[in-house]
């Protein structure tokens, strides 16, 4: 099983760059990049909430569960 991070998809839909999102969410570029590439092991609810507010989306728009079977 795997959690897929679709942050890049939502950013593209909102025509927002990583730099712009980083400034609005108040996260470092490196932390956002780790999240965007799916290398993050965890995400705080406060971070997820901030991203959802800025991108005007739901957590399910960013995170997706895929069964490996």
PDB file of N, CA and C in Angstrom:
ATOM      1  N   UNK A   1       0.830  -1.181   0.000  1.00  0.00           N
ATOM      2  CA  UNK A   1       0.000   0.000   0.000  1.00  0.00           C
ATOM      3  C   UNK A   1       0.872   1.241   0.000  1.00  0.00           C
ATOM      4  N   UNK A   2       0.346   2.286  -0.592  1.00  0.00           N
ATOM      5  CA  UNK A   2       1.141   3.498  -0.721  1.00  0.00           C
ATOM      6  C   UNK A   2       0.234   4.731  -0.662  1.00  0.00           C
ATOM      7  N   UNK A   3       0.765   5.775  -0.095  1.00  0.00           N
ATOM      8  CA  UNK A   3       0.099   7.073  -0.106  1.00  0.00           C
ATOM      9  C   UNK A   3       0.762   7.901  -1.207  1.00  0.00           C
ATOM     10  N   UNK A   4      -0.037   8.363  -2.138  1.00  0.00           N
ATOM     11  CA  UNK A   4       0.453   9.168  -3.252  1.00  0.00           C
ATOM     12  C   UNK A   4       0.175  10.634  -2.928  1.00  0.00           C
ATOM     13  N   UNK A   5       1.179  11.476  -3.122  1.00  0.00           N
ATOM     14  CA  UNK A   5       1.034  12.918  -2.890  1.00  0.00           C
ATOM     15  C   UNK A   5       0.842  13.600  -4.239  1.00  0.00           C
ATOM     16  N   UNK A   6      -0.317  14.234  -4.407  1.00  0.00           N
ATOM     17  CA  UNK A   6      -0.656  14.913  -5.658  1.00  0.00           C
ATOM     18  C   UNK A   6      -0.527  16.430  -5.531  1.00  0.00           C
ATOM     19  N   UNK A   7       0.424  16.866  -4.740  1.00  0.00           N
ATOM     20  CA  UNK A   7       0.609  18.306  -4.529  1.00  0.00           C
ATOM     21  C   UNK A   7       0.937  19.011  -5.834  1.00  0.00           C
ATOM     22  N   UNK A   8       1.772  18.391  -6.656  1.00  0.00           N
ATOM     23  CA  UNK A   8       2.148  19.009  -7.937  1.00  0.00           C
ATOM     24  C   UNK A   8       0.941  19.196  -8.850  1.00  0.00           C
ATOM     25  N   UNK A   9       0.002  18.260  -8.803  1.00  0.00           N
ATOM     26  CA  UNK A   9      -1.215  18.357  -9.620  1.00  0.00           C
ATOM     27  C   UNK A   9      -2.052  19.552  -9.178  1.00  0.00           C
ATOM     28  N   UNK A  10      -2.246  19.682  -7.864  1.00  0.00           N
ATOM     29  CA  UNK A  10      -3.043  20.803  -7.350  1.00  0.00           C
ATOM     30  C   UNK A  10      -2.350  22.139  -7.603  1.00  0.00           C
ATOM     31  N   UNK A  11      -1.040  22.157  -7.484  1.00  0.00           N
ATOM     32  CA  UNK A  11      -0.305  23.397  -7.765  1.00  0.00           C
ATOM     33  C   UNK A  11      -0.467  23.787  -9.226  1.00  0.00           C
ATOM     34  N   UNK A  12      -0.427  22.817 -10.119  1.00  0.00           N
ATOM     35  CA  UNK A  12      -0.595  23.096 -11.549  1.00  0.00           C
ATOM     36  C   UNK A  12      -2.004  23.602 -11.836  1.00  0.00           C
ATOM     37  N   UNK A  13      -2.999  22.995 -11.194  1.00  0.00           N
ATOM     38  CA  UNK A  13      -4.384  23.438 -11.393  1.00  0.00           C
ATOM     39  C   UNK A  13      -4.580  24.869 -10.935  1.00  0.00           C
ATOM     40  N   UNK A  14      -3.873  25.253  -9.875  1.00  0.00           N
ATOM     41  CA  UNK A  14      -3.988  26.616  -9.338  1.00  0.00           C
ATOM     42  C   UNK A  14      -2.943  27.569  -9.937  1.00  0.00           C
ATOM     43  N   UNK A  15      -2.121  27.031 -10.849  1.00  0.00           N
ATOM     44  CA  UNK A  15      -1.058  27.820 -11.496  1.00  0.00           C
ATOM     45  C   UNK A  15      -0.169  28.509 -10.460  1.00  0.00           C
ATOM     46  N   UNK A  16       0.281  27.703  -9.482  1.00  0.00           N
ATOM     47  CA  UNK A  16       1.104  28.229  -8.398  1.00  0.00           C
ATOM     48  C   UNK A  16       2.457  27.536  -8.394  1.00  0.00           C
ATOM     49  N   UNK A  17       3.505  28.321  -8.237  1.00  0.00           N
ATOM     50  CA  UNK A  17       4.860  27.776  -8.193  1.00  0.00           C
ATOM     51  C   UNK A  17       5.185  27.296  -6.780  1.00  0.00           C
ATOM     52  N   UNK A  18       6.221  26.493  -6.694  1.00  0.00           N
ATOM     53  CA  UNK A  18       6.674  26.009  -5.395  1.00  0.00           C
ATOM     54  C   UNK A  18       7.125  27.177  -4.524  1.00  0.00           C
ATOM     55  N   UNK A  19       7.790  28.155  -5.129  1.00  0.00           N
ATOM     56  CA  UNK A  19       8.233  29.345  -4.385  1.00  0.00           C
ATOM     57  C   UNK A  19       7.048  30.107  -3.801  1.00  0.00           C
ATOM     58  N   UNK A  20       6.018  30.305  -4.615  1.00  0.00           N
ATOM     59  CA  UNK A  20       4.841  31.048  -4.167  1.00  0.00           C
ATOM     60  C   UNK A  20       4.123  30.303  -3.043  1.00  0.00           C
ATOM     61  N   UNK A  21       3.960  28.986  -3.201  1.00  0.00           N
ATOM     62  CA  UNK A  21       3.312  28.186  -2.161  1.00  0.00           C
ATOM     63  C   UNK A  21       4.133  28.211  -0.879  1.00  0.00           C
ATOM     64  N   UNK A  22       5.444  28.120  -1.020  1.00  0.00           N
ATOM     65  CA  UNK A  22       6.339  28.146   0.131  1.00  0.00           C
ATOM     66  C   UNK A  22       6.158  29.427   0.946  1.00  0.00           C
ATOM     67  N   UNK A  23       6.070  30.547   0.263  1.00  0.00           N
ATOM     68  CA  UNK A  23       5.884  31.831   0.944  1.00  0.00           C
ATOM     69  C   UNK A  23       4.524  31.914   1.629  1.00  0.00           C
ATOM     70  N   UNK A  24       3.477  31.467   0.939  1.00  0.00           N
ATOM     71  CA  UNK A  24       2.125  31.587   1.481  1.00  0.00           C
ATOM     72  C   UNK A  24       1.862  30.624   2.639  1.00  0.00           C
ATOM     73  N   UNK A  25       2.521  29.458   2.614  1.00  0.00           N
ATOM     74  CA  UNK A  25       2.310  28.452   3.655  1.00  0.00           C
ATOM     75  C   UNK A  25       3.333  28.605   4.772  1.00  0.00           C
ATOM     76  N   UNK A  26       4.381  29.371   4.516  1.00  0.00           N
ATOM     77  CA  UNK A  26       5.464  29.596   5.472  1.00  0.00           C
ATOM     78  C   UNK A  26       6.209  28.296   5.790  1.00  0.00           C
ATOM     79  N   UNK A  27       6.577  27.579   4.721  1.00  0.00           N
ATOM     80  CA  UNK A  27       7.416  26.378   4.812  1.00  0.00           C
ATOM     81  C   UNK A  27       8.638  26.599   3.940  1.00  0.00           C
ATOM     82  N   UNK A  28       9.726  25.921   4.289  1.00  0.00           N
ATOM     83  CA  UNK A  28      10.918  26.045   3.465  1.00  0.00           C
ATOM     84  C   UNK A  28      10.705  25.343   2.131  1.00  0.00           C
ATOM     85  N   UNK A  29      11.431  25.805   1.133  1.00  0.00           N
ATOM     86  CA  UNK A  29      11.360  25.164  -0.188  1.00  0.00           C
ATOM     87  C   UNK A  29      11.759  23.699  -0.108  1.00  0.00           C
ATOM     88  N   UNK A  30      12.767  23.396   0.688  1.00  0.00           N
ATOM     89  CA  UNK A  30      13.230  22.007   0.774  1.00  0.00           C
ATOM     90  C   UNK A  30      12.163  21.102   1.388  1.00  0.00           C
ATOM     91  N   UNK A  31      11.466  21.563   2.419  1.00  0.00           N
ATOM     92  CA  UNK A  31      10.405  20.752   3.018  1.00  0.00           C
ATOM     93  C   UNK A  31       9.234  20.555   2.058  1.00  0.00           C
ATOM     94  N   UNK A  32       8.859  21.606   1.344  1.00  0.00           N
ATOM     95  CA  UNK A  32       7.782  21.464   0.365  1.00  0.00           C
ATOM     96  C   UNK A  32       8.195  20.546  -0.781  1.00  0.00           C
ATOM     97  N   UNK A  33       9.440  20.640  -1.192  1.00  0.00           N
ATOM     98  CA  UNK A  33       9.949  19.789  -2.261  1.00  0.00           C
ATOM     99  C   UNK A  33       9.910  18.316  -1.860  1.00  0.00           C
ATOM    100  N   UNK A  34      10.289  18.031  -0.624  1.00  0.00           N
ATOM    101  CA  UNK A  34      10.245  16.649  -0.112  1.00  0.00           C
ATOM    102  C   UNK A  34       8.807  16.139  -0.128  1.00  0.00           C
ATOM    103  N   UNK A  35       7.878  16.976   0.262  1.00  0.00           N
ATOM    104  CA  UNK A  35       6.471  16.595   0.247  1.00  0.00           C
ATOM    105  C   UNK A  35       5.977  16.392  -1.187  1.00  0.00           C
ATOM    106  N   UNK A  36       6.321  17.319  -2.048  1.00  0.00           N
ATOM    107  CA  UNK A  36       5.873  17.275  -3.443  1.00  0.00           C
ATOM    108  C   UNK A  36       6.369  16.034  -4.175  1.00  0.00           C
ATOM    109  N   UNK A  37       7.584  15.612  -3.890  1.00  0.00           N
ATOM    110  CA  UNK A  37       8.156  14.453  -4.578  1.00  0.00           C
ATOM    111  C   UNK A  37       7.738  13.126  -3.947  1.00  0.00           C
ATOM    112  N   UNK A  38       6.970  13.198  -2.869  1.00  0.00           N
ATOM    113  CA  UNK A  38       6.480  11.976  -2.235  1.00  0.00           C
ATOM    114  C   UNK A  38       7.490  11.299  -1.332  1.00  0.00           C
ATOM    115  N   UNK A  39       8.552  12.001  -0.960  1.00  0.00           N
ATOM    116  CA  UNK A  39       9.595  11.425  -0.109  1.00  0.00           C
ATOM    117  C   UNK A  39       9.341  11.652   1.378  1.00  0.00           C
ATOM    118  N   UNK A  40       8.309  12.426   1.693  1.00  0.00           N
ATOM    119  CA  UNK A  40       7.997  12.709   3.099  1.00  0.00           C
ATOM    120  C   UNK A  40       7.436  11.464   3.773  1.00  0.00           C
ATOM    121  N   UNK A  41       7.814  11.257   5.011  1.00  0.00           N
ATOM    122  CA  UNK A  41       7.317  10.127   5.806  1.00  0.00           C
ATOM    123  C   UNK A  41       6.079  10.512   6.605  1.00  0.00           C
ATOM    124  N   UNK A  42       5.859  11.807   6.796  1.00  0.00           N
ATOM    125  CA  UNK A  42       4.722  12.284   7.583  1.00  0.00           C
ATOM    126  C   UNK A  42       4.426  13.727   7.204  1.00  0.00           C
ATOM    127  N   UNK A  43       3.222  14.169   7.559  1.00  0.00           N
ATOM    128  CA  UNK A  43       2.845  15.570   7.377  1.00  0.00           C
ATOM    129  C   UNK A  43       1.980  15.971   8.575  1.00  0.00           C
ATOM    130  N   UNK A  44       2.243  17.122   9.105  1.00  0.00           N
ATOM    131  CA  UNK A  44       1.443  17.623  10.227  1.00  0.00           C
ATOM    132  C   UNK A  44       0.100  18.107   9.697  1.00  0.00           C
ATOM    133  N   UNK A  45      -0.924  17.920  10.526  1.00  0.00           N
ATOM    134  CA  UNK A  45      -2.243  18.402  10.133  1.00  0.00           C
ATOM    135  C   UNK A  45      -2.232  19.911   9.916  1.00  0.00           C
ATOM    136  N   UNK A  46      -1.461  20.634  10.696  1.00  0.00           N
ATOM    137  CA  UNK A  46      -1.402  22.094  10.537  1.00  0.00           C
ATOM    138  C   UNK A  46      -0.801  22.467   9.183  1.00  0.00           C
ATOM    139  N   UNK A  47       0.187  21.687   8.732  1.00  0.00           N
ATOM    140  CA  UNK A  47       0.785  21.926   7.417  1.00  0.00           C
ATOM    141  C   UNK A  47      -0.219  21.600   6.323  1.00  0.00           C
ATOM    142  N   UNK A  48      -0.888  20.473   6.456  1.00  0.00           N
ATOM    143  CA  UNK A  48      -1.898  20.068   5.472  1.00  0.00           C
ATOM    144  C   UNK A  48      -3.025  21.099   5.409  1.00  0.00           C
ATOM    145  N   UNK A  49      -3.432  21.592   6.570  1.00  0.00           N
ATOM    146  CA  UNK A  49      -4.485  22.609   6.627  1.00  0.00           C
ATOM    147  C   UNK A  49      -4.049  23.888   5.906  1.00  0.00           C
ATOM    148  N   UNK A  50      -2.818  24.328   6.150  1.00  0.00           N
ATOM    149  CA  UNK A  50      -2.318  25.546   5.518  1.00  0.00           C
ATOM    150  C   UNK A  50      -2.248  25.389   4.002  1.00  0.00           C
ATOM    151  N   UNK A  51      -1.770  24.233   3.538  1.00  0.00           N
ATOM    152  CA  UNK A  51      -1.684  23.979   2.093  1.00  0.00           C
ATOM    153  C   UNK A  51      -3.078  23.976   1.480  1.00  0.00           C
ATOM    154  N   UNK A  52      -4.024  23.325   2.143  1.00  0.00           N
ATOM    155  CA  UNK A  52      -5.392  23.267   1.629  1.00  0.00           C
ATOM    156  C   UNK A  52      -6.036  24.651   1.574  1.00  0.00           C
ATOM    157  N   UNK A  53      -5.769  25.493   2.564  1.00  0.00           N
ATOM    158  CA  UNK A  53      -6.308  26.859   2.558  1.00  0.00           C
ATOM    159  C   UNK A  53      -5.775  27.641   1.375  1.00  0.00           C
ATOM    160  N   UNK A  54      -4.461  27.560   1.148  1.00  0.00           N
ATOM    161  CA  UNK A  54      -3.834  28.328   0.070  1.00  0.00           C
ATOM    162  C   UNK A  54      -4.279  27.813  -1.305  1.00  0.00           C
ATOM    163  N   UNK A  55      -4.341  26.491  -1.453  1.00  0.00           N
ATOM    164  CA  UNK A  55      -4.716  25.907  -2.750  1.00  0.00           C
ATOM    165  C   UNK A  55      -6.223  25.766  -2.921  1.00  0.00           C
ATOM    166  N   UNK A  56      -6.984  26.128  -1.877  1.00  0.00           N
ATOM    167  CA  UNK A  56      -8.449  26.034  -1.898  1.00  0.00           C
ATOM    168  C   UNK A  56      -8.888  24.640  -2.337  1.00  0.00           C
ATOM    169  N   UNK A  57      -8.447  23.632  -1.566  1.00  0.00           N
ATOM    170  CA  UNK A  57      -8.760  22.252  -1.890  1.00  0.00           C
ATOM    171  C   UNK A  57      -9.004  21.457  -0.610  1.00  0.00           C
ATOM    172  N   UNK A  58      -9.313  20.198  -0.753  1.00  0.00           N
ATOM    173  CA  UNK A  58      -9.525  19.284   0.353  1.00  0.00           C
ATOM    174  C   UNK A  58      -8.298  18.388   0.504  1.00  0.00           C
ATOM    175  N   UNK A  59      -8.049  17.837   1.699  1.00  0.00           N
ATOM    176  CA  UNK A  59      -6.903  16.938   1.875  1.00  0.00           C
ATOM    177  C   UNK A  59      -6.896  15.776   0.875  1.00  0.00           C
ATOM    178  N   UNK A  60      -8.077  15.285   0.525  1.00  0.00           N
ATOM    179  CA  UNK A  60      -8.173  14.190  -0.440  1.00  0.00           C
ATOM    180  C   UNK A  60      -7.743  14.580  -1.840  1.00  0.00           C
ATOM    181  N   UNK A  61      -7.693  15.879  -2.124  1.00  0.00           N
ATOM    182  CA  UNK A  61      -7.187  16.339  -3.420  1.00  0.00           C
ATOM    183  C   UNK A  61      -5.672  16.233  -3.483  1.00  0.00           C
ATOM    184  N   UNK A  62      -5.029  16.228  -2.317  1.00  0.00           N
ATOM    185  CA  UNK A  62      -3.564  16.199  -2.244  1.00  0.00           C
ATOM    186  C   UNK A  62      -3.047  14.796  -1.953  1.00  0.00           C
ATOM    187  N   UNK A  63      -3.751  14.072  -1.079  1.00  0.00           N
ATOM    188  CA  UNK A  63      -3.311  12.738  -0.673  1.00  0.00           C
ATOM    189  C   UNK A  63      -4.234  11.671  -1.240  1.00  0.00           C
ATOM    190  N   UNK A  64      -3.643  10.586  -1.711  1.00  0.00           N
ATOM    191  CA  UNK A  64      -4.404   9.499  -2.318  1.00  0.00           C
ATOM    192  C   UNK A  64      -3.822   8.163  -1.865  1.00  0.00           C
ATOM    193  N   UNK A  65      -4.684   7.208  -1.561  1.00  0.00           N
ATOM    194  CA  UNK A  65      -4.242   5.869  -1.164  1.00  0.00           C
ATOM    195  C   UNK A  65      -4.341   4.938  -2.357  1.00  0.00           C
ATOM    196  N   UNK A  66      -3.248   4.204  -2.612  1.00  0.00           N
ATOM    197  CA  UNK A  66      -3.238   3.198  -3.678  1.00  0.00           C
ATOM    198  C   UNK A  66      -2.811   1.870  -3.075  1.00  0.00           C
ATOM    199  N   UNK A  67      -3.604   0.847  -3.323  1.00  0.00           N
ATOM    200  CA  UNK A  67      -3.279  -0.497  -2.875  1.00  0.00           C
ATOM    201  C   UNK A  67      -2.298  -1.118  -3.857  1.00  0.00           C
ATOM    202  N   UNK A  68      -1.207  -1.672  -3.358  1.00  0.00           N
ATOM    203  CA  UNK A  68      -0.162  -2.224  -4.219  1.00  0.00           C
ATOM    204  C   UNK A  68      -0.547  -3.538  -4.886  1.00  0.00           C
ATOM    205  N   UNK A  69      -1.624  -4.135  -4.472  1.00  0.00           N
ATOM    206  CA  UNK A  69      -1.993  -5.454  -5.007  1.00  0.00           C
ATOM    207  C   UNK A  69      -2.373  -5.406  -6.460  1.00  0.00           C
TER     208      UNK A  69
END
